[in-house]
Protein backbone atom coordinates (compact mmCIF):
# COMPACT_ATOMS: atom_id res chain seq x y z
CA LYS A 1 -26.87 46.06 -35.84
CA SER A 2 -24.39 47.85 -37.73
CA LEU A 3 -22.35 46.09 -40.50
CA ILE A 4 -19.61 47.34 -42.29
CA LEU A 5 -16.97 45.16 -44.93
CA ASP A 6 -13.90 46.27 -45.98
CA LYS A 7 -11.43 44.46 -48.74
CA TYR A 8 -7.83 45.12 -48.45
CA VAL A 9 -4.91 43.63 -50.66
CA TYR A 10 -4.28 41.15 -48.03
CA PHE A 11 -7.00 41.21 -45.85
CA LEU A 12 -11.10 42.32 -44.89
CA GLU A 13 -12.39 44.10 -42.51
CA LEU A 14 -15.35 43.27 -40.90
CA HIS A 15 -17.02 45.76 -38.66
CA TYR A 16 -19.94 43.93 -37.21
CA ASP A 17 -21.94 44.94 -33.38
CA GLY A 18 -18.92 47.16 -32.53
CA LEU A 19 -16.27 44.71 -33.41
CA VAL A 20 -13.78 45.19 -35.71
CA MET A 21 -12.55 41.72 -36.92
CA ARG A 22 -9.59 41.22 -39.55
CA PHE A 23 -9.51 38.59 -41.90
CA ASP A 24 -6.65 37.27 -43.78
CA TYR A 25 -7.63 35.37 -47.18
CA VAL A 26 -5.36 32.25 -46.47
CA TRP A 27 -7.42 31.87 -43.38
CA LEU A 28 -11.01 32.25 -45.06
CA ARG A 29 -10.16 29.84 -47.70
CA ASP A 30 -8.90 27.48 -45.12
CA HIS A 31 -11.72 27.54 -42.62
CA CYS A 32 -14.03 27.26 -45.59
CA ARG A 33 -17.05 25.00 -44.21
CA SER A 34 -18.25 23.63 -48.03
CA ALA A 35 -18.88 19.57 -48.27
CA SER A 36 -15.70 19.25 -50.09
CA CYS A 37 -13.71 21.27 -47.49
CA TYR A 38 -15.18 19.93 -44.01
CA ASN A 39 -16.24 16.69 -43.00
CA ARG A 40 -19.04 17.51 -40.82
CA LYS A 41 -19.45 13.95 -39.42
CA THR A 42 -15.95 14.12 -38.16
CA ASN A 43 -15.66 17.29 -37.45
CA GLN A 44 -12.59 17.40 -39.69
CA ARG A 45 -10.77 19.10 -41.96
CA SER A 46 -10.60 17.19 -45.71
CA LEU A 47 -8.78 20.66 -47.63
CA ASP A 48 -5.09 19.95 -47.72
CA THR A 49 -3.99 23.86 -46.65
CA THR A 50 -0.29 23.13 -48.23
CA LYS A 51 -2.34 23.55 -51.54
CA ILE A 52 -3.89 27.07 -50.85
CA ASN A 53 -2.21 29.83 -52.56
CA LEU A 54 -0.56 31.60 -50.06
CA ASN A 55 -1.15 34.32 -52.14
CA ILE A 56 -4.92 34.02 -52.59
CA ARG A 57 -7.47 37.13 -53.15
CA PRO A 58 -10.85 36.68 -53.47
CA SER A 59 -12.87 36.90 -56.95
CA ASP A 60 -15.78 38.15 -55.57
CA ILE A 61 -17.14 39.31 -51.99
CA ARG A 62 -20.77 39.84 -50.98
CA MET A 63 -22.73 39.60 -48.02
CA ASP A 64 -26.44 40.24 -46.28
CA ASN A 65 -27.10 40.80 -43.24
CA GLU A 66 -26.56 36.83 -41.59
CA THR A 67 -23.63 36.11 -43.92
CA LEU A 68 -20.61 36.12 -45.48
CA PHE A 69 -20.08 34.81 -49.33
CA ILE A 70 -17.04 34.54 -51.10
CA THR A 71 -16.03 33.29 -54.44
CA TRP A 72 -12.25 32.27 -54.57
CA PRO A 73 -10.66 32.33 -58.21
CA ASP A 74 -11.33 28.57 -58.89
CA GLN A 75 -14.90 29.73 -58.61
CA HIS A 76 -15.28 27.72 -54.86
CA VAL A 77 -17.67 29.68 -52.90
CA THR A 78 -16.83 29.70 -49.11
CA GLN A 79 -20.20 30.73 -47.23
CA TYR A 80 -19.51 32.35 -43.39
CA ARG A 81 -22.17 32.87 -41.27
CA LEU A 82 -21.04 36.25 -39.12
CA SER A 83 -22.29 34.88 -35.64
CA TRP A 84 -19.51 32.11 -36.78
CA LEU A 85 -16.51 34.76 -37.66
CA VAL A 86 -17.25 36.82 -34.58
CA GLU A 87 -16.74 33.97 -32.21
CA ASN A 88 -13.91 32.42 -34.41
CA SER A 89 -11.87 35.92 -34.84
CA TYR A 90 -9.18 36.79 -33.17
CA GLU A 91 -10.59 40.21 -32.11
CA GLY A 92 -13.96 37.82 -30.70
CA GLN A 93 -10.88 35.69 -28.82
CA LYS A 94 -9.16 38.38 -27.55
CA GLN A 95 -12.20 39.83 -25.14
CA ASN A 96 -13.89 36.52 -24.53
CA ALA A 97 -12.80 33.91 -21.56
CA VAL A 98 -12.13 30.88 -22.72
CA GLN A 99 -13.46 29.27 -18.69
CA PRO A 100 -15.88 32.19 -16.97
CA ARG A 101 -14.32 31.67 -13.14
CA ILE A 102 -15.86 32.95 -10.36
CA LEU A 103 -12.78 33.88 -7.60
CA TRP A 104 -13.61 33.95 -4.64
CA ASN A 105 -11.91 34.00 -0.61
CA SER A 106 -12.92 32.58 2.40
CA GLU A 107 -15.85 35.33 2.78
CA THR A 108 -16.96 35.33 -0.93
CA TYR A 109 -16.77 31.15 -1.11
CA ARG A 110 -19.00 30.99 2.37
CA ASN A 111 -21.37 33.77 1.23
CA ALA A 112 -22.16 31.49 -2.37
CA LYS A 113 -23.14 28.28 -0.18
CA LEU A 114 -23.34 25.80 -3.05
CA PRO A 115 -25.37 23.17 -2.77
CA ALA A 116 -23.34 19.29 -2.18
CA VAL A 117 -25.43 17.58 -4.43
CA LYS A 118 -27.11 14.02 -3.06
CA ARG A 119 -25.12 10.95 -4.68
CA LYS A 120 -28.50 9.82 -6.26
CA ASP A 121 -29.10 12.88 -7.82
CA PHE A 122 -26.01 13.15 -9.25
CA MET A 123 -26.18 9.58 -11.11
CA GLU A 124 -29.20 9.63 -12.27
CA CYS A 125 -30.34 13.53 -13.30
CA ASP A 126 -28.67 15.05 -15.86
CA GLU A 127 -30.21 18.55 -14.77
CA GLU A 128 -28.50 18.35 -11.15
CA LEU A 129 -25.05 17.42 -12.97
CA LYS A 130 -25.31 19.89 -15.38
CA THR A 131 -25.63 22.22 -11.97
CA PHE A 132 -23.73 20.68 -10.79
CA LEU A 133 -20.86 20.91 -12.94
CA LYS A 134 -21.69 24.85 -14.10
CA ASN A 135 -20.79 25.41 -10.31
CA PHE A 136 -18.06 23.42 -10.32
CA LEU A 137 -16.76 24.62 -13.54
CA LEU A 138 -16.93 28.41 -12.37
CA TYR A 139 -15.60 27.81 -8.30
CA GLY A 140 -12.96 25.25 -9.12
CA ILE A 141 -14.62 23.18 -5.83
CA ALA A 142 -17.60 20.96 -5.51
CA PHE A 143 -19.22 17.75 -2.85
CA VAL A 144 -21.25 14.97 -3.56
CA GLU A 145 -22.69 13.61 -0.84
CA ASP A 146 -24.15 9.83 0.35
CA VAL A 147 -21.34 7.97 -1.62
CA PRO A 148 -20.60 4.78 -0.13
CA PRO A 149 -17.05 5.03 1.85
CA THR A 150 -15.68 2.51 -0.80
CA ILE A 151 -13.12 2.65 -3.71
CA ASP A 152 -15.90 1.13 -6.25
CA ALA A 153 -18.48 4.22 -5.45
CA THR A 154 -15.65 6.59 -5.80
CA GLU A 155 -14.86 5.09 -9.39
CA THR A 156 -18.37 5.19 -10.10
CA VAL A 157 -18.79 8.76 -9.16
CA ALA A 158 -15.51 9.93 -11.17
CA GLN A 159 -16.39 8.60 -14.33
CA ARG A 160 -19.75 10.17 -14.12
CA ILE A 161 -17.70 13.55 -14.80
CA SER A 162 -15.11 12.38 -16.77
CA LEU A 163 -12.17 9.67 -18.08
CA ILE A 164 -9.78 8.64 -15.28
CA ARG A 165 -6.51 9.35 -16.23
CA GLU A 166 -3.97 6.55 -15.89
CA THR A 167 -1.30 7.69 -13.87
CA MET A 168 1.98 5.60 -12.07
CA TYR A 169 -0.03 5.12 -9.08
CA GLY A 170 -2.59 3.71 -11.35
CA ARG A 171 -6.51 4.63 -12.06
CA MET A 172 -7.98 4.77 -8.65
CA TRP A 173 -6.18 4.68 -5.58
CA ASN A 174 -5.83 4.58 -2.14
CA PHE A 175 -3.50 5.92 0.62
CA THR A 176 -2.63 6.51 3.83
CA SER A 177 0.37 8.51 5.90
CA ASP A 178 2.25 4.92 5.66
CA PHE A 179 4.95 6.16 3.47
CA SER A 180 4.23 3.12 0.93
CA ARG A 181 5.07 5.53 -1.80
CA GLY A 182 8.21 8.33 -2.26
CA ASP A 183 5.68 11.14 -1.69
CA THR A 184 5.16 14.00 1.11
CA ALA A 185 1.75 12.83 0.81
CA TYR A 186 2.04 9.48 2.37
CA THR A 187 3.41 10.90 5.91
CA LYS A 188 1.99 12.62 9.05
CA HIS A 189 3.62 15.92 7.73
CA ALA A 190 1.51 18.84 7.20
CA LEU A 191 1.66 19.82 3.96
CA ASP A 192 1.97 23.75 2.37
CA CYS A 193 -0.71 24.74 -0.15
CA HIS A 194 0.47 23.10 -3.73
CA THR A 195 -0.96 21.98 -6.89
CA ASP A 196 -0.55 18.26 -7.73
CA THR A 197 1.15 16.50 -10.62
CA THR A 198 3.24 19.47 -11.39
CA TYR A 199 5.23 16.97 -12.74
CA PHE A 200 3.29 15.75 -15.30
CA GLN A 201 4.05 18.10 -18.76
CA GLU A 202 0.06 18.06 -18.82
CA PRO A 203 -1.17 18.75 -14.66
CA CYS A 204 -4.54 16.87 -14.32
CA GLY A 205 -7.71 19.28 -14.44
CA ILE A 206 -9.42 17.16 -11.78
CA GLN A 207 -9.48 15.57 -8.86
CA ILE A 208 -11.35 13.84 -6.52
CA PHE A 209 -10.71 13.20 -2.99
CA HIS A 210 -12.67 10.80 -0.57
CA CYS A 211 -12.17 10.12 3.13
CA LEU A 212 -12.67 6.52 3.39
CA ARG A 213 -12.17 5.86 6.71
CA HIS A 214 -10.96 8.54 9.46
CA GLU A 215 -9.96 7.57 13.42
CA GLY A 216 -8.77 9.79 15.46
CA THR A 217 -8.28 14.15 15.11
CA GLY A 218 -6.90 16.32 12.32
CA GLY A 219 -7.18 15.19 8.89
CA ARG A 220 -8.38 18.91 8.08
CA THR A 221 -7.86 20.20 4.48
CA LEU A 222 -7.37 23.22 2.81
CA LEU A 223 -8.49 25.26 0.28
CA VAL A 224 -7.50 28.43 -1.30
CA ASP A 225 -8.19 30.19 -5.22
CA GLY A 226 -4.82 30.32 -6.87
CA PHE A 227 -6.59 32.03 -9.63
CA HIS A 228 -8.02 34.90 -7.10
CA SER A 229 -4.26 35.36 -5.62
CA ALA A 230 -2.70 35.15 -8.99
CA GLU A 231 -4.96 38.27 -9.81
CA LYS A 232 -4.11 40.37 -7.41
CA ILE A 233 -0.21 39.98 -8.38
CA ARG A 234 -1.41 40.60 -11.86
CA LYS A 235 -2.80 43.83 -10.68
CA GLU A 236 -0.41 45.28 -7.55
CA ALA A 237 3.06 43.73 -8.74
CA PRO A 238 2.35 43.03 -12.38
CA GLU A 239 6.34 42.88 -13.10
CA ASP A 240 5.78 39.83 -10.88
CA PHE A 241 2.56 38.13 -12.12
CA ASP A 242 4.93 38.42 -15.49
CA LEU A 243 8.09 37.08 -15.05
CA LEU A 244 5.76 33.81 -13.16
CA CYS A 245 4.15 34.02 -17.00
CA LYS A 246 7.19 33.59 -18.07
CA VAL A 247 10.17 31.73 -16.42
CA PRO A 248 10.05 27.67 -17.34
CA ILE A 249 10.47 26.18 -13.89
CA LYS A 250 10.99 22.30 -14.06
CA HIS A 251 8.90 20.27 -11.05
CA GLU A 252 10.07 16.62 -10.82
CA TYR A 253 8.76 13.26 -8.87
CA ILE A 254 11.86 10.76 -8.26
CA GLU A 255 10.69 7.61 -6.14
CA ASN A 256 12.63 4.80 -5.19
CA VAL A 257 10.41 2.91 -2.32
CA GLY A 258 8.91 -0.13 -2.20
CA GLY A 259 9.74 -1.31 -5.55
CA TYR A 260 8.58 1.77 -7.10
CA GLN A 261 11.49 3.58 -9.50
CA ASN A 262 9.92 6.43 -11.18
CA HIS A 263 11.56 9.86 -12.19
CA MET A 264 8.84 12.35 -14.33
CA ILE A 265 9.51 16.18 -14.65
CA GLY A 266 7.08 18.29 -15.96
CA ILE A 267 8.10 21.80 -17.09
CA GLY A 268 6.51 24.98 -17.16
CA PRO A 269 5.94 28.78 -15.96
CA VAL A 270 4.26 28.90 -12.40
CA LEU A 271 1.15 30.88 -14.11
CA ASN A 272 0.40 30.49 -17.63
CA VAL A 273 -2.05 32.36 -19.64
CA TYR A 274 -3.63 32.63 -23.02
CA PRO A 275 -1.45 34.74 -25.41
CA TRP A 276 -3.81 35.79 -26.79
CA ASN A 277 -5.72 37.13 -24.21
CA ASN A 278 -3.65 36.41 -21.05
CA GLU A 279 -5.98 34.65 -19.25
CA LEU A 280 -4.91 32.89 -16.66
CA TYR A 281 -5.58 28.81 -17.63
CA MET A 282 -3.47 27.03 -15.25
CA ILE A 283 -1.12 26.88 -11.87
CA ARG A 284 1.85 24.91 -11.29
CA TYR A 285 2.98 25.83 -7.55
CA ASN A 286 4.32 23.19 -5.81
CA ASN A 287 7.71 23.99 -3.22
CA TYR A 288 7.86 20.32 -2.58
CA ASP A 289 8.53 18.63 -5.81
CA ARG A 290 10.25 21.58 -7.90
CA ALA A 291 13.12 21.04 -9.10
CA VAL A 292 16.71 22.59 -9.16
CA ILE A 293 16.14 25.99 -11.15
CA ASN A 294 18.65 25.58 -13.96
CA THR A 295 15.89 27.18 -16.84
CA VAL A 296 17.00 30.47 -16.77
CA SER A 297 20.18 32.82 -16.58
CA TYR A 298 21.37 34.08 -13.02
CA GLU A 299 20.34 37.61 -13.51
CA PHE A 300 16.28 36.45 -13.33
CA VAL A 301 16.90 34.35 -10.33
CA GLU A 302 16.56 36.65 -7.41
CA LYS A 303 14.31 38.81 -9.60
CA TRP A 304 12.20 35.14 -10.00
CA TYR A 305 12.38 34.32 -5.89
CA ALA A 306 10.84 38.06 -4.98
CA ALA A 307 7.58 37.31 -7.57
CA HIS A 308 7.36 33.45 -6.07
CA ARG A 309 7.92 35.05 -2.78
CA THR A 310 4.86 37.65 -3.81
CA LEU A 311 2.55 34.85 -5.11
CA THR A 312 3.54 32.84 -1.87
CA ALA A 313 2.30 35.80 0.83
CA GLU A 314 -0.67 35.75 -1.23
CA LEU A 315 -1.86 32.63 -0.97
CA ARG A 316 -1.06 32.09 2.54
CA LYS A 317 -3.03 34.63 3.86
CA PRO A 318 -5.69 33.47 5.60
CA GLU A 319 -8.81 35.67 4.14
CA ASN A 320 -7.91 33.43 1.23
CA GLU A 321 -8.23 29.97 3.30
CA VAL A 322 -11.38 27.64 3.17
CA TRP A 323 -10.84 25.17 5.30
CA VAL A 324 -12.85 21.71 5.35
CA LYS A 325 -12.84 18.18 6.88
CA LEU A 326 -13.80 15.29 4.82
CA LYS A 327 -15.49 12.62 5.77
CA PRO A 328 -16.49 9.18 4.90
CA GLY A 329 -19.60 8.90 1.97
CA LYS A 330 -18.62 13.04 1.09
CA PRO A 331 -16.01 12.83 -1.52
CA LYS A 332 -14.51 16.19 -2.81
CA GLU A 333 -13.97 17.08 -6.32
CA PHE A 334 -12.09 19.50 -7.49
CA ILE A 335 -10.28 21.55 -10.19
CA SER A 336 -6.68 21.34 -9.32
CA LEU A 337 -4.87 23.83 -11.72
CA PRO A 338 -6.85 26.82 -10.17
CA SER A 339 -7.38 25.50 -6.67
CA LEU A 340 -4.33 24.71 -4.12
CA CYS A 341 -4.67 22.71 -1.19
CA GLU A 342 -2.94 21.86 2.08
CA SER A 343 -3.81 18.39 4.11
CA LEU A 344 -3.30 18.95 7.71
CA VAL A 345 -3.10 15.10 9.12
CA TRP A 346 -2.30 14.29 12.83
CA SER A 347 -3.95 10.97 12.59
CA PRO A 348 -4.02 7.76 9.94
CA PHE A 349 -6.89 8.12 7.46
CA THR A 350 -7.64 7.01 4.40
CA ILE A 351 -8.29 8.74 0.69
CA ALA A 352 -9.66 6.84 -2.10
CA LYS A 353 -7.65 9.02 -4.72
CA SER A 354 -8.71 9.41 -8.78
CA PRO A 355 -6.89 12.28 -11.28
């Protein structure tokens, strides 16, 4: 591996394995991992950053094939493994995805032939869980089979993955088309594709749906990879993509039904990207919950509507749709931020839901 070190007045430049990285000297002092600066038991910084001289300069720098050694004016020595610097440099972060994903439409998803996992294997075998989670993170959708059609069994499956988040609905809840809560999901109306909890300032990351009982016809669910559609917009209509990334939109949940009184507001753009690598990481897309647009001046409003329509048209293309019908015993788990769901309901059914 090629290795070049250049020292400048305000920063250090490191050429390593084809990557050119620049490190500010204050940054290098602040991120020291020595015992006096960093607590490895708690993985927390011990150093008081405000006590670092903002004009600090090293008194000596040396390097071998694996480690960078920096001596500071007070004779404190900082050591960095070169691999750590590559992983944590701005330049390294810029070229790597935080969460690698496989984008899909109906054809690519079906060709992937991702297997459902049996509940017993899911609960008892860590390797099965590891494989499940790996595919789950790559595709955003996964299924567990042979789960008893009860809320308690669904909760056990959910806890195998992560902590369950408390919401105004509770930790675990079941619902049917009885309008017991003030939400369109509690009706028999068909729903367009959307992401849930856009009215949370931090929308839920994983959702689990389990059909506990179904009598009659209908009850299908439509899944769309929102990331796949958004990336097509980035490529084919970059100005629309950028606008959807920049304009903050309010979404709200207003409820005054059956003794429940809630008013929640979440604010953020439809498409959310990391600023250092422009990686798309979250989608807030829900035309039902979108509040009054009053966060952008009038000259951008029409452009936003046009961009939103461009994304909507892509999401609604039949080649992007994957239809599934949930059955008792087979909960669907999906990452709600990249994937969008739609429910078509024609007869009563009950679903246990966990955020």
